[in-house]
Each structure stands twice: as C-alpha cells, then as structure tokens.
Amino acid sequence: MAIPHDLLDRLRGDAVLRRLAVGADAAFALAVRGGDRVAVRISDDRVDSTDDPAFTVTLDAGDWEQLLHPDPAPRRQHLVAFLAPRGTGAVDGDHLAYAQHLHLLRRVVEVARERPAAPRDAAPPRPDLSGVRGRYLRVFVPAWGECDVYVESAGAGSPVLLLHTAGADGRQYHGLLSDPRLTERHELIAFDLPWHGRSNPASGARSYDYALTTASYTDCIAAVVEALRLERPPVIVGASMAGAAVLEMTALHPDLVGGAVSCQAGPRVGNRHTPWLRNPRVNQTLHVPEWTYGLMSPQSPEDERDRVWWGYSQGGWGTYERDIAYYSDCWDIDNVAHLFDERTPPVVLMNGHYDYSVPPEATQELLARVPRAVYRDMPDLGHFPHAENPRAFGTHLLAALDHIEAARAR
C-alpha cells in the first residue's frame, strides 16, 4: 500500500484538520523508503503541496500498509509506534518542527487511511457525576511537606483507591465513579497528586519544585490512605506510572493495601522520555497529549479518547516530564521484588493490547516476578483503559475485584 495520491484533496476537505491547524504553518513529507513521497504545507486553513518540507517521516512500505490499514492491529495504530527505537521508521530534517506539529502529522495519517480507524458512533452517555463527593484532605509528605490533596469519591462498600496516570488527575476516573455496577458494591476514591489537577503545589513549594520518586509517591499514597480513615485497607488501582506505584505500595506498605490492580506495567519501562516534554520551544499543551494519544485503542470511543487528550492538554508546566522521570528512572521490579512474600496482598496484573509502550509480553514478564499474582487480558484496550473506555474497563475491574475479595476471604 502506498501513500494515497489524492491525499492533498482529502486533507483540504477535512474539517478536523482545519480546526487543528489554526495558527499553524508547517511543511512536512511522508515517504515510503525507496518509493513514493508526498509533501504538504499546512497554513491555517490552507493545504498545498510543497517542495521544501521542514522534515520527512519515512517508513518501509510494509509499515505504511499496517499504519494505514482501516482497522490497524494492536500497537500498529499510531505513527510513533513505527519510529526508532521501536521500529525502523525515521524522522529526517528539523526534529523541532516535528515535535511542534505532531498533532497535524497524526491527523494527516488518520485522513490517509481508507476510512477512520474508529468511525464516530453515537457518543457514550455523559457520566452522571451528581453522586460524586469532592473534598480536600491535608496530608504530610516528608519530601514535600504539607499538601492539600483533592479527593473525589462515590458509592459505598469495600474501598477502592484510584491513582491517575502521569501528568493527569482524578477526572480520568469519572466514567468509573458514575458506573453503578461498581458504586453499588464499592466506595471508589480518586485523588489528585500535589501539583496535579485540583491539588496545588505543596505548602511553601514553588510550581517548579516538583519531582517524583518512589519515596515521595508511595509516602503520598500512604498519607492519603491514613487520612481517609477507612474501615479496611483499600484495593489500589492504577495504570501506567500508577500501575508501577500500585506494586511499590504493595511491596513497601502491605499493611495499608487490601489488594492491587496494576495495569500497563512491565518490569521496567523505556522509550517514554523525549527531549521535547519540557522544551520551551514546544507547546506542552499540544505535544504532551499527542505523545500520549496514540497509546490508546482506536476501538475505544472517540469521545472518551478526546477527553483523555483534553486532560493531558491541561497539565502544569513540566509535571508530565517529572512523572515520566519517575516512571523511567525509578521504577524497576528488581528494587522491590524481594519484598513480596506470603503476606503480600492479592495482585491482579492487566494489559491492554494496543499499548505500544508496555506490550502484553512486558506485563507477563512482570507476572513472573510477583508471587501469586494473576493476569487478565484486555485485548480491545490501550494504555489508559480506565479513561479511554470506562465501560469496558469496568467489566475487567469488577472481575479483578471479585478475585481479590475471594483471595482475601481465603
């Protein structure tokens, strides 16, 4: 499959591209290694051909065929998955311009497909948040000092503590907080880490003082659990960097954890750092959501994926980059594997297959390092299963919670 020869005409007729391109002036090319090449210039609402692209993205013909397939296979749905070091694709030319215009490049690839990977179906029902309770807790974290942490909760029953992903906040869990299948049996609790969402920086700290380590992360979670004064230790749920923190909490503070559901975690993680996450020449509110958007499944509802994108466009300056530094530099199962023993709370590991940063094989490798942990596949989901498709993830989470309840009863 070659790059469509009518691509320019398709782009000129695309309303989404016109909205994304407001204020932009970008010129780039898509190339088949040893074959066709299409170069475009996008300036506000104009799309033209150009002989002078700032950068060129080159993939093998077989990679283009996979990427442009109407229903791309898991981990083949986004251009970044094909670029080095994961694949053989390359960006030649101005890498700064590439980072600045990743949102336009993503949309051009979507338009180049014969049809959208996920046609816009009827939007899922908006979450009914009328039953969600919000408040602040004051906690003390040794590395940060006093922190006022924003907490949302819904439902009643055995407690479940929900941890948001890097650079995000507890709004990711609104779809679960409004799911009666869960709230009829469990009290769901989500909180924003300091420097995230509605939790301000720690008292006396500056906005640029934020850093996340294993100690500060687990100390903060432990302080929140203790401040909640729950009748029993909660099951702790998280994905991505929070999936790693779930396991560190289970190892370091087993008395505070009733069970763990860790999603999208491997024994360690690589390839999530990029030089653009904190570069002042790159618009963080565009680049960060684009850097994360492709990790989701194209089968997940478009409205939900767009909400994840929007959430990532609102993070504090440098917060996502500091979280990724924890995820990339601090998390390693080797640091805590020796702490797992017969007293370790029940652990369920889950993986969404469309996540090219943590493929199923990585989570299964982790499984071998956590005694008595069980594994659950989520073949139609990606890196943000709880947020990109809350209804589907809720089914998986209920099964995981049932397993943990049964294991605790034994």
Protein backbone atom coordinates (compact mmCIF):
# COMPACT_ATOMS: atom_id res chain seq x y z
CA MET A 1 0.00 0.00 0.00
CA ALA A 2 1.35 3.42 -0.99
CA ILE A 3 0.52 6.80 0.46
CA PRO A 4 -2.74 7.82 -1.27
CA HIS A 5 -2.13 10.03 -4.31
CA ASP A 6 -5.30 12.01 -3.55
CA LEU A 7 -4.11 12.82 -0.03
CA LEU A 8 -3.97 16.58 -0.62
CA ASP A 9 -7.60 16.62 -1.76
CA ARG A 10 -8.63 14.58 1.28
CA LEU A 11 -6.80 16.97 3.58
CA ARG A 12 -8.40 20.03 2.02
CA GLY A 13 -11.81 18.57 2.76
CA ASP A 14 -11.09 17.58 6.36
CA ALA A 15 -12.83 19.78 8.93
CA VAL A 16 -10.89 18.35 11.88
CA LEU A 17 -7.55 19.25 10.27
CA ARG A 18 -8.76 22.79 9.64
CA ARG A 19 -9.55 23.22 13.33
CA LEU A 20 -6.25 21.70 14.47
CA ALA A 21 -4.29 23.85 12.02
CA VAL A 22 -5.46 27.26 13.30
CA GLY A 23 -2.35 29.35 13.84
CA ALA A 24 -0.04 26.71 12.37
CA ASP A 25 2.42 26.94 9.49
CA ALA A 26 4.00 23.55 8.91
CA ALA A 27 5.60 21.80 5.95
CA PHE A 28 6.47 18.10 6.06
CA ALA A 29 6.60 14.99 3.91
CA LEU A 30 5.52 11.37 4.24
CA ALA A 31 7.78 8.96 2.38
CA VAL A 32 7.95 5.28 1.57
CA ARG A 33 11.52 4.08 1.92
CA GLY A 34 12.74 3.75 -1.66
CA GLY A 35 9.36 4.78 -3.05
CA ASP A 36 6.62 7.41 -3.09
CA ARG A 37 6.74 10.73 -1.26
CA VAL A 38 4.00 13.28 -0.55
CA ALA A 39 4.92 16.70 0.81
CA VAL A 40 2.33 19.09 2.25
CA ARG A 41 2.25 22.60 3.63
CA ILE A 42 -0.49 23.37 6.16
CA SER A 43 -1.01 27.02 6.99
CA ASP A 44 -4.14 27.85 8.96
CA ASP A 45 -6.96 26.53 6.74
CA ARG A 46 -4.84 26.11 3.58
CA VAL A 47 -3.32 22.83 2.41
CA ASP A 48 -0.86 22.90 -0.52
CA SER A 49 1.94 20.81 -1.91
CA THR A 50 5.49 21.94 -1.20
CA ASP A 51 9.00 21.33 -2.47
CA ASP A 52 10.61 22.40 0.78
CA PRO A 53 9.39 20.29 3.76
CA ALA A 54 10.98 21.00 7.12
CA PHE A 55 11.09 17.29 7.93
CA THR A 56 10.30 13.95 6.33
CA VAL A 57 8.85 10.87 8.01
CA THR A 58 10.00 7.69 6.28
CA LEU A 59 8.65 4.18 6.84
CA ASP A 60 9.05 0.91 5.00
CA ALA A 61 6.24 0.06 2.58
CA GLY A 62 5.02 -2.74 4.86
CA ASP A 63 4.89 -0.37 7.84
CA TRP A 64 2.81 2.13 5.88
CA GLU A 65 0.48 -0.68 4.92
CA GLN A 66 -0.05 -1.59 8.57
CA LEU A 67 -0.37 2.02 9.73
CA LEU A 68 -2.89 2.98 7.03
CA HIS A 69 -4.98 -0.16 7.37
CA PRO A 70 -8.62 0.76 8.09
CA ASP A 71 -8.51 -1.37 11.23
CA PRO A 72 -4.89 -1.31 12.40
CA ALA A 73 -3.62 -4.17 14.52
CA PRO A 74 -2.66 -3.61 18.16
CA ARG A 75 0.42 -1.43 18.55
CA ARG A 76 0.30 -0.51 14.84
CA GLN A 77 -2.28 2.26 15.16
CA HIS A 78 -0.02 5.29 15.53
CA LEU A 79 2.97 6.65 13.65
CA VAL A 80 5.15 6.92 16.76
CA ALA A 81 4.95 3.14 17.22
CA PHE A 82 6.91 2.71 13.97
CA LEU A 83 9.67 5.21 14.70
CA ALA A 84 13.04 4.27 16.15
CA PRO A 85 13.84 2.88 18.66
CA ARG A 86 10.64 0.78 18.49
CA GLY A 87 10.67 0.46 14.71
CA THR A 88 12.75 1.25 11.64
CA GLY A 89 10.92 4.48 10.79
CA ALA A 90 12.86 7.74 10.82
CA VAL A 91 12.31 11.48 11.06
CA ASP A 92 14.82 13.35 8.88
CA GLY A 93 15.24 17.10 8.95
CA ASP A 94 14.03 19.54 11.59
CA HIS A 95 13.16 17.45 14.67
CA LEU A 96 11.95 20.55 16.50
CA ALA A 97 9.36 21.16 13.77
CA TYR A 98 8.31 17.52 14.05
CA ALA A 99 7.73 17.88 17.81
CA GLN A 100 5.85 21.14 17.33
CA HIS A 101 3.47 19.70 14.74
CA LEU A 102 2.89 16.13 15.89
CA HIS A 103 -0.83 16.92 16.15
CA LEU A 104 -1.03 17.80 12.45
CA LEU A 105 1.04 14.79 11.45
CA ARG A 106 -1.26 12.48 13.40
CA ARG A 107 -4.34 13.90 11.68
CA VAL A 108 -2.76 13.62 8.22
CA VAL A 109 -2.16 9.92 8.86
CA GLU A 110 -5.76 9.46 10.02
CA VAL A 111 -7.04 11.11 6.84
CA ALA A 112 -4.71 8.96 4.73
CA ARG A 113 -6.48 5.82 5.94
CA GLU A 114 -9.20 4.50 3.63
CA ARG A 115 -11.65 5.22 6.42
CA PRO A 116 -11.18 6.34 10.03
CA ALA A 117 -9.93 3.58 12.30
CA ALA A 118 -12.90 4.16 14.61
CA PRO A 119 -15.89 5.74 12.85
CA ARG A 120 -17.66 8.16 15.14
CA ASP A 121 -20.53 6.21 16.62
CA ALA A 122 -23.14 7.63 18.93
CA ALA A 123 -21.30 9.27 21.79
CA PRO A 124 -21.36 7.26 25.04
CA PRO A 125 -23.63 8.70 27.73
CA ARG A 126 -22.04 11.53 29.64
CA PRO A 127 -21.09 10.43 33.15
CA ASP A 128 -23.69 11.33 35.76
CA LEU A 129 -21.48 12.94 38.39
CA SER A 130 -24.28 14.03 40.70
CA GLY A 131 -23.33 11.29 43.18
CA VAL A 132 -19.63 12.23 43.30
CA ARG A 133 -18.43 13.79 46.55
CA GLY A 134 -15.45 16.15 46.49
CA ARG A 135 -13.29 17.46 49.33
CA TYR A 136 -9.73 18.29 50.35
CA LEU A 137 -7.51 16.32 52.72
CA ARG A 138 -4.45 17.84 54.37
CA VAL A 139 -1.59 15.34 54.44
CA PHE A 140 2.10 15.48 55.24
CA VAL A 141 4.61 14.02 52.78
CA PRO A 142 8.22 14.09 54.05
CA ALA A 143 9.70 15.07 50.68
CA TRP A 144 7.16 17.84 50.07
CA GLY A 145 5.75 19.00 53.41
CA GLU A 146 2.07 19.80 53.98
CA CYS A 147 -0.18 19.19 50.98
CA ASP A 148 -3.87 19.85 50.42
CA VAL A 149 -4.96 16.94 48.26
CA TYR A 150 -8.24 16.98 46.32
CA VAL A 151 -10.26 13.78 46.67
CA GLU A 152 -13.42 12.60 44.89
CA SER A 153 -15.44 9.58 45.94
CA ALA A 154 -18.64 7.79 45.00
CA GLY A 155 -20.55 4.70 46.08
CA ALA A 156 -20.45 2.63 49.24
CA GLY A 157 -18.90 -0.67 50.26
CA SER A 158 -15.36 -2.00 50.23
CA PRO A 159 -12.96 0.85 49.36
CA VAL A 160 -11.07 1.11 46.07
CA LEU A 161 -8.39 3.82 45.70
CA LEU A 162 -7.84 5.00 42.11
CA LEU A 163 -4.50 6.51 41.03
CA HIS A 164 -4.27 8.72 37.93
CA THR A 165 -1.58 8.46 35.26
CA ALA A 166 1.46 10.69 34.68
CA GLY A 167 0.66 14.38 34.35
CA ALA A 168 -3.09 13.79 34.69
CA ASP A 169 -5.62 13.91 37.55
CA GLY A 170 -8.56 12.08 39.09
CA ARG A 171 -11.02 13.23 36.42
CA GLN A 172 -9.78 10.24 34.43
CA TYR A 173 -11.99 8.14 36.70
CA HIS A 174 -15.30 9.97 36.22
CA GLY A 175 -16.53 7.15 34.00
CA LEU A 176 -15.97 4.65 36.82
CA LEU A 177 -17.20 6.94 39.60
CA SER A 178 -20.53 7.09 37.77
CA ASP A 179 -20.77 3.35 36.99
CA PRO A 180 -23.47 1.78 39.22
CA ARG A 181 -22.03 -1.70 38.65
CA LEU A 182 -19.08 -0.54 40.74
CA THR A 183 -20.58 2.05 43.08
CA GLU A 184 -23.31 -0.30 44.32
CA ARG A 185 -20.63 -2.57 45.79
CA HIS A 186 -17.60 -0.36 46.35
CA GLU A 187 -16.62 3.08 47.54
CA LEU A 188 -14.46 4.44 44.72
CA ILE A 189 -11.94 7.11 45.74
CA ALA A 190 -9.73 9.11 43.35
CA PHE A 191 -7.28 11.83 44.33
CA ASP A 192 -5.04 14.31 42.55
CA LEU A 193 -1.36 14.18 43.42
CA PRO A 194 0.08 17.52 44.58
CA TRP A 195 0.97 19.67 41.55
CA HIS A 196 -1.77 17.86 39.58
CA GLY A 197 -5.35 18.76 38.73
CA ARG A 198 -7.06 20.47 41.67
CA SER A 199 -4.22 19.74 44.13
CA ASN A 200 -1.90 22.74 44.29
CA PRO A 201 1.85 22.50 44.93
CA ALA A 202 2.81 21.66 48.50
CA SER A 203 2.64 24.46 51.05
CA GLY A 204 5.67 26.74 50.64
CA ALA A 205 6.83 24.99 47.45
CA ARG A 206 7.16 26.67 44.08
CA SER A 207 5.43 25.47 40.95
CA TYR A 208 8.80 24.40 39.50
CA ASP A 209 9.89 22.47 42.64
CA TYR A 210 8.02 19.29 41.74
CA ALA A 211 9.84 15.98 41.49
CA LEU A 212 8.50 12.46 41.89
CA THR A 213 10.41 9.50 43.33
CA THR A 214 9.45 6.11 44.69
CA ALA A 215 9.65 7.52 48.23
CA SER A 216 7.59 10.67 47.63
CA TYR A 217 4.99 8.81 45.56
CA THR A 218 4.40 5.95 47.98
CA ASP A 219 4.62 8.27 51.02
CA CYS A 220 1.90 10.44 49.49
CA ILE A 221 -0.38 7.47 48.76
CA ALA A 222 0.19 6.13 52.28
CA ALA A 223 -0.61 9.55 53.80
CA VAL A 224 -3.85 9.74 51.81
CA VAL A 225 -4.88 6.21 52.86
CA GLU A 226 -4.26 7.03 56.52
CA ALA A 227 -6.07 10.38 56.29
CA LEU A 228 -9.14 8.72 54.74
CA ARG A 229 -9.59 6.64 57.93
CA LEU A 230 -11.16 3.76 56.06
CA GLU A 231 -12.59 0.78 57.90
CA ARG A 232 -10.41 -1.60 55.89
CA PRO A 233 -7.36 -1.23 53.64
CA PRO A 234 -8.39 -0.29 50.10
CA VAL A 235 -7.71 -2.12 46.88
CA ILE A 236 -5.40 0.22 44.96
CA VAL A 237 -5.86 0.56 41.18
CA GLY A 238 -3.60 2.30 38.68
CA ALA A 239 -2.32 2.23 35.12
CA SER A 240 0.98 3.23 33.55
CA MET A 241 3.15 5.00 36.16
CA ALA A 242 0.32 4.45 38.66
CA GLY A 243 0.43 0.75 37.79
CA ALA A 244 4.05 0.76 38.90
CA ALA A 245 3.20 2.70 42.08
CA VAL A 246 0.48 0.17 42.92
CA LEU A 247 3.11 -2.56 43.03
CA GLU A 248 5.57 -0.43 45.02
CA MET A 249 2.84 0.33 47.56
CA THR A 250 2.01 -3.36 47.82
CA ALA A 251 5.66 -4.18 48.49
CA LEU A 252 6.54 -1.25 50.77
CA HIS A 253 3.26 -0.73 52.67
CA PRO A 254 1.41 -4.07 52.58
CA ASP A 255 -0.47 -3.21 55.78
CA LEU A 256 -2.15 -0.28 54.01
CA VAL A 257 -3.16 -2.24 50.90
CA GLY A 258 -6.07 -4.67 50.66
CA GLY A 259 -5.19 -5.71 47.12
CA ALA A 260 -3.69 -4.29 43.95
CA VAL A 261 -4.84 -3.94 40.34
CA SER A 262 -1.87 -2.89 38.22
CA CYS A 263 -2.49 -2.06 34.55
CA GLN A 264 0.00 -1.32 31.79
CA ALA A 265 3.08 -2.02 33.90
CA GLY A 266 6.14 -4.03 32.99
CA PRO A 267 9.23 -4.90 35.00
CA ARG A 268 10.61 -1.51 33.95
CA VAL A 269 9.87 0.98 31.16
CA GLY A 270 11.89 2.64 28.45
CA ASN A 271 11.34 4.96 25.50
CA ARG A 272 8.92 7.30 27.27
CA HIS A 273 11.44 10.12 27.70
CA THR A 274 11.74 12.63 24.87
CA PRO A 275 13.72 15.89 24.81
CA TRP A 276 10.53 17.83 23.98
CA LEU A 277 8.49 17.32 27.14
CA ARG A 278 9.93 20.41 28.83
CA ASN A 279 11.42 22.30 25.89
CA PRO A 280 10.11 25.91 25.87
CA ARG A 281 10.03 25.92 22.05
CA VAL A 282 7.42 23.13 22.04
CA ASN A 283 3.85 23.81 23.10
CA GLN A 284 3.36 21.40 26.01
CA THR A 285 -0.44 21.62 25.74
CA LEU A 286 -0.18 20.16 22.23
CA HIS A 287 2.82 17.87 22.39
CA VAL A 288 2.05 16.02 25.64
CA PRO A 289 -1.49 14.99 24.64
CA GLU A 290 -0.25 13.94 21.21
CA TRP A 291 2.63 11.96 22.73
CA THR A 292 0.07 10.01 24.76
CA TYR A 293 -2.90 9.89 22.36
CA GLY A 294 -1.53 7.14 20.14
CA LEU A 295 -1.21 4.74 23.07
CA MET A 296 -4.98 4.30 23.17
CA SER A 297 -7.01 1.76 21.25
CA PRO A 298 -8.75 3.03 18.10
CA GLN A 299 -11.62 0.77 19.21
CA SER A 300 -12.24 2.98 22.26
CA PRO A 301 -14.97 5.62 21.88
CA GLU A 302 -13.72 8.73 20.15
CA ASP A 303 -15.35 11.00 22.73
CA GLU A 304 -13.53 9.24 25.59
CA ARG A 305 -10.19 9.37 23.79
CA ASP A 306 -10.72 13.04 23.09
CA ARG A 307 -11.40 13.63 26.79
CA VAL A 308 -8.08 11.95 27.66
CA TRP A 309 -6.38 14.23 25.11
CA TRP A 310 -8.05 17.27 26.67
CA GLY A 311 -7.00 16.26 30.17
CA TYR A 312 -3.39 15.98 29.05
CA SER A 313 -3.51 19.43 27.48
CA GLN A 314 -4.13 20.95 30.94
CA GLY A 315 -1.20 19.66 33.00
CA GLY A 316 1.10 22.01 34.89
CA TRP A 317 4.35 23.01 33.23
CA GLY A 318 6.88 20.18 33.47
CA THR A 319 4.63 17.95 35.59
CA TYR A 320 4.27 15.22 32.98
CA GLU A 321 8.01 15.24 32.34
CA ARG A 322 8.79 14.84 36.05
CA ASP A 323 6.30 11.98 36.33
CA ILE A 324 7.88 10.27 33.35
CA ALA A 325 11.27 10.70 35.02
CA TYR A 326 9.94 8.68 37.98
CA TYR A 327 8.42 6.07 35.67
CA SER A 328 11.56 5.72 33.56
CA ASP A 329 14.29 6.18 36.16
CA CYS A 330 12.85 4.96 39.48
CA TRP A 331 10.50 2.12 38.67
CA ASP A 332 12.17 -1.29 38.40
CA ILE A 333 10.71 -4.51 39.77
CA ASP A 334 14.22 -5.50 40.87
CA ASN A 335 14.02 -2.78 43.54
CA VAL A 336 11.06 -4.36 45.35
CA ALA A 337 10.74 -7.97 44.15
CA HIS A 338 12.49 -9.27 47.30
CA LEU A 339 9.75 -7.74 49.46
CA PHE A 340 6.95 -9.87 48.06
CA ASP A 341 6.13 -12.84 50.29
CA GLU A 342 3.19 -14.83 51.66
CA ARG A 343 1.84 -11.70 53.38
CA THR A 344 1.67 -9.71 50.14
CA PRO A 345 -1.91 -8.65 49.34
CA PRO A 346 -3.55 -10.19 46.24
CA VAL A 347 -2.33 -8.69 42.96
CA VAL A 348 -4.04 -8.65 39.56
CA LEU A 349 -1.99 -7.54 36.54
CA MET A 350 -3.88 -6.41 33.43
CA ASN A 351 -2.78 -5.31 29.97
CA GLY A 352 -4.48 -3.52 27.08
CA HIS A 353 -3.02 -4.84 23.83
CA TYR A 354 -2.94 -1.53 21.90
CA ASP A 355 -0.33 -0.04 24.25
CA TYR A 356 2.97 0.04 22.33
CA SER A 357 4.88 1.36 25.37
CA VAL A 358 4.00 -1.69 27.54
CA PRO A 359 3.03 -4.67 25.35
CA PRO A 360 1.39 -7.76 26.87
CA GLU A 361 4.71 -9.60 26.93
CA ALA A 362 6.11 -6.98 29.33
CA THR A 363 3.24 -7.41 31.79
CA GLN A 364 3.55 -11.19 31.55
CA GLU A 365 7.27 -10.87 32.30
CA LEU A 366 6.31 -8.85 35.36
CA LEU A 367 3.83 -11.56 36.34
CA ALA A 368 6.70 -13.99 36.84
CA ARG A 369 8.24 -11.64 39.43
CA VAL A 370 5.16 -11.16 41.64
CA PRO A 371 4.27 -14.33 43.58
CA ARG A 372 0.65 -15.49 43.28
CA ALA A 373 -0.29 -12.59 41.04
CA VAL A 374 -2.81 -13.36 38.30
CA TYR A 375 -3.01 -11.90 34.80
CA ARG A 376 -6.02 -10.63 32.85
CA ASP A 377 -6.01 -9.67 29.16
CA MET A 378 -7.79 -6.56 27.87
CA PRO A 379 -7.38 -7.12 24.11
CA ASP A 380 -9.50 -4.17 22.94
CA LEU A 381 -7.98 -1.52 25.22
CA GLY A 382 -4.81 0.54 25.34
CA HIS A 383 -2.57 2.42 27.77
CA PHE A 384 -5.37 4.34 29.54
CA PRO A 385 -8.02 1.60 29.87
CA HIS A 386 -9.84 3.25 32.78
CA ALA A 387 -10.25 6.54 30.90
CA GLU A 388 -10.37 5.66 27.19
CA ASN A 389 -13.20 3.14 27.61
CA PRO A 390 -14.53 3.18 31.20
CA ARG A 391 -17.46 0.89 30.43
CA ALA A 392 -15.25 -1.87 29.02
CA PHE A 393 -12.62 -1.41 31.71
CA GLY A 394 -15.29 -1.53 34.41
CA THR A 395 -16.08 -5.12 33.41
CA HIS A 396 -12.41 -6.08 33.78
CA LEU A 397 -12.10 -4.22 37.06
CA LEU A 398 -15.14 -5.95 38.54
CA ALA A 399 -13.60 -9.33 37.72
CA ALA A 400 -10.30 -8.26 39.30
CA LEU A 401 -12.04 -7.01 42.45
CA ASP A 402 -14.00 -10.26 42.71
CA HIS A 403 -10.74 -12.21 42.51
CA ILE A 404 -9.18 -10.06 45.24
CA GLU A 405 -12.23 -10.44 47.51
CA ALA A 406 -12.12 -14.21 47.09
CA ALA A 407 -8.39 -14.33 47.76
CA ARG A 408 -8.78 -12.21 50.89
CA ALA A 409 -11.58 -14.48 52.10
CA ARG A 410 -9.28 -17.49 51.72
